[in-house]
Amino acid sequence: MGDAWPPGAAENERLRSYLGTWDVRRKIIDRLNASFVLFEGQAFVTPRQFEEHGDTTTDYTTLRSSRTYALSSGAGNVVVYFPDLTEFVRIGDGASQRLVHQCGPDLYRGRLFFRGPDTWAEMWHVQGPRKHYVSLAHYRRV
């Protein structure tokens, strides 16, 4: 990860503006299984990580869920890493951004929409041999 890890005084404005706690609501349309999934919870953004905790509800059950990503910043980007520190995506400064990530046989095509300091959204189209879904999440500052 080079000299940008861990982030410190060199954090860019994008990362600083999204530090804090966020309410999250995510809807997933699973085309492979013809089902809907809903996640409701909170995200916590620090200079080093993005962490979500909440409940994932399907037609059959509700499960406690979480995910964590490492963060670093520099050169106008926030770099998002999986827990094993392999790179996931880079987030720039645009109000609307397109992201692509190939994860083994699965292709993740995403969009980020930054609507201001207190709300943003992400959308993902995911396709692979065992995945075919669309995910739309809304984040609102607590």
Protein backbone atom coordinates (compact mmCIF):
# COMPACT_ATOMS: atom_id res chain seq x y z
CA MET A 1 0.00 0.00 0.00
CA GLY A 2 2.97 2.29 0.04
CA ASP A 3 3.40 5.45 2.09
CA ALA A 4 -0.34 6.22 2.23
CA TRP A 5 -0.94 3.56 4.91
CA PRO A 6 -2.02 4.26 7.56
CA PRO A 7 -3.73 7.55 6.74
CA GLY A 8 -2.78 10.53 8.85
CA ALA A 9 -2.44 14.22 8.22
CA ALA A 10 -2.55 13.55 4.47
CA GLU A 11 -6.23 12.49 4.56
CA ASN A 12 -8.04 14.10 1.68
CA GLU A 13 -11.15 16.23 2.01
CA ARG A 14 -13.44 13.46 0.67
CA LEU A 15 -12.53 11.11 3.52
CA ARG A 16 -12.71 13.82 6.21
CA SER A 17 -16.17 14.87 5.05
CA TYR A 18 -17.56 11.34 5.50
CA LEU A 19 -16.14 10.52 8.93
CA GLY A 20 -18.82 9.70 11.47
CA THR A 21 -21.93 7.57 11.87
CA TRP A 22 -24.47 6.91 9.11
CA ASP A 23 -27.86 5.23 8.96
CA VAL A 24 -27.89 2.69 6.12
CA ARG A 25 -30.77 1.16 4.20
CA ARG A 26 -29.92 -1.27 1.38
CA LYS A 27 -32.27 -3.12 -0.96
CA ILE A 28 -31.00 -6.06 -2.96
CA ILE A 29 -32.85 -7.62 -5.87
CA ASP A 30 -31.43 -11.13 -6.25
CA ARG A 31 -32.20 -12.10 -9.83
CA LEU A 32 -30.61 -15.52 -9.50
CA ASN A 33 -32.90 -16.57 -6.63
CA ALA A 34 -35.87 -14.32 -7.52
CA SER A 35 -35.86 -12.73 -4.07
CA PHE A 36 -35.53 -9.42 -2.24
CA VAL A 37 -33.15 -8.70 0.61
CA LEU A 38 -33.22 -5.67 2.92
CA PHE A 39 -30.35 -4.46 5.11
CA GLU A 40 -30.93 -1.79 7.78
CA GLY A 41 -28.22 -0.65 10.14
CA GLN A 42 -25.44 1.84 10.71
CA ALA A 43 -22.07 2.54 9.12
CA PHE A 44 -19.13 3.95 11.05
CA VAL A 45 -16.43 5.74 9.06
CA THR A 46 -13.06 6.49 10.67
CA PRO A 47 -9.79 7.54 9.01
CA ARG A 48 -8.79 3.86 8.94
CA GLN A 49 -11.96 1.91 8.26
CA PHE A 50 -15.54 1.67 7.06
CA GLU A 51 -17.68 -0.65 9.16
CA GLU A 52 -21.37 -1.59 8.86
CA HIS A 53 -23.58 -3.42 11.35
CA GLY A 54 -27.28 -4.16 11.06
CA ASP A 55 -30.00 -6.63 10.20
CA THR A 56 -30.40 -8.43 6.88
CA THR A 57 -33.96 -9.56 6.21
CA THR A 58 -35.10 -12.05 3.57
CA ASP A 59 -38.48 -13.68 3.00
CA TYR A 60 -37.55 -16.33 5.56
CA THR A 61 -35.41 -14.82 8.29
CA THR A 62 -33.55 -11.85 9.76
CA LEU A 63 -29.84 -12.19 10.48
CA ARG A 64 -27.35 -9.86 12.17
CA SER A 65 -24.82 -8.75 9.53
CA SER A 66 -21.61 -6.77 9.33
CA ARG A 67 -18.84 -5.87 6.92
CA THR A 68 -15.58 -4.00 7.35
CA TYR A 69 -13.21 -2.36 4.88
CA ALA A 70 -9.87 -0.66 5.50
CA LEU A 71 -9.39 2.88 4.16
CA SER A 72 -6.46 5.01 3.10
CA SER A 73 -6.29 8.28 1.24
CA GLY A 74 -3.99 10.38 -0.84
CA ALA A 75 -3.61 11.84 -4.33
CA GLY A 76 -7.30 12.80 -4.44
CA ASN A 77 -8.60 9.26 -3.82
CA VAL A 78 -9.93 7.24 -0.94
CA VAL A 79 -8.78 3.66 -1.43
CA VAL A 80 -11.07 0.95 -0.05
CA TYR A 81 -9.46 -2.37 0.91
CA PHE A 82 -10.90 -5.73 1.84
CA PRO A 83 -9.99 -7.00 5.33
CA ASP A 84 -7.00 -8.88 3.84
CA LEU A 85 -5.80 -5.46 2.51
CA THR A 86 -6.28 -6.25 -1.17
CA GLU A 87 -7.69 -3.26 -3.02
CA PHE A 88 -11.42 -3.12 -3.69
CA VAL A 89 -12.07 0.33 -5.27
CA ARG A 90 -10.81 3.92 -5.41
CA ILE A 91 -13.22 6.76 -4.69
CA GLY A 92 -12.48 10.15 -6.22
CA ASP A 93 -14.00 13.59 -5.81
CA GLY A 94 -16.81 13.50 -8.38
CA ALA A 95 -20.46 13.84 -7.31
CA SER A 96 -21.28 10.79 -9.48
CA GLN A 97 -18.68 8.07 -10.01
CA ARG A 98 -18.50 4.75 -11.82
CA LEU A 99 -16.59 1.88 -10.21
CA VAL A 100 -15.61 -1.54 -11.55
CA HIS A 101 -14.14 -4.45 -9.61
CA GLN A 102 -13.41 -7.95 -10.90
CA CYS A 103 -13.49 -10.42 -8.01
CA GLY A 104 -12.57 -13.84 -9.35
CA PRO A 105 -15.37 -14.76 -11.78
CA ASP A 106 -17.69 -12.03 -10.41
CA LEU A 107 -17.94 -8.58 -11.99
CA TYR A 108 -19.02 -5.67 -9.76
CA ARG A 109 -20.12 -2.53 -11.63
CA GLY A 110 -21.03 0.30 -9.27
CA ARG A 111 -22.11 3.91 -9.08
CA LEU A 112 -21.63 6.33 -6.20
CA PHE A 113 -23.82 9.41 -5.85
CA PHE A 114 -22.63 12.06 -3.37
CA ARG A 115 -25.59 14.36 -2.74
CA GLY A 116 -23.96 16.58 -0.12
CA PRO A 117 -22.32 16.30 3.28
CA ASP A 118 -25.20 14.37 4.88
CA THR A 119 -26.38 11.88 2.26
CA TRP A 120 -24.94 9.59 -0.39
CA ALA A 121 -25.91 6.42 -2.25
CA GLU A 122 -24.25 3.45 -3.89
CA MET A 123 -25.59 1.07 -6.51
CA TRP A 124 -24.01 -2.21 -7.60
CA HIS A 125 -24.78 -4.59 -10.46
CA VAL A 126 -23.09 -7.90 -9.70
CA GLN A 127 -22.85 -10.83 -12.10
CA GLY A 128 -21.01 -14.09 -11.88
CA PRO A 129 -21.57 -17.83 -12.07
CA ARG A 130 -23.37 -17.87 -8.68
CA LYS A 131 -24.34 -14.18 -8.38
CA HIS A 132 -26.76 -11.96 -10.25
CA TYR A 133 -28.09 -9.06 -8.22
CA VAL A 134 -28.63 -5.32 -8.02
CA SER A 135 -27.99 -3.51 -4.75
CA LEU A 136 -29.01 0.06 -3.88
CA ALA A 137 -27.94 1.60 -0.56
CA HIS A 138 -28.73 4.99 0.93
CA TYR A 139 -26.57 6.54 3.64
CA ARG A 140 -27.81 9.38 5.86
CA ARG A 141 -25.68 11.08 8.50
CA VAL A 142 -26.84 10.45 12.08
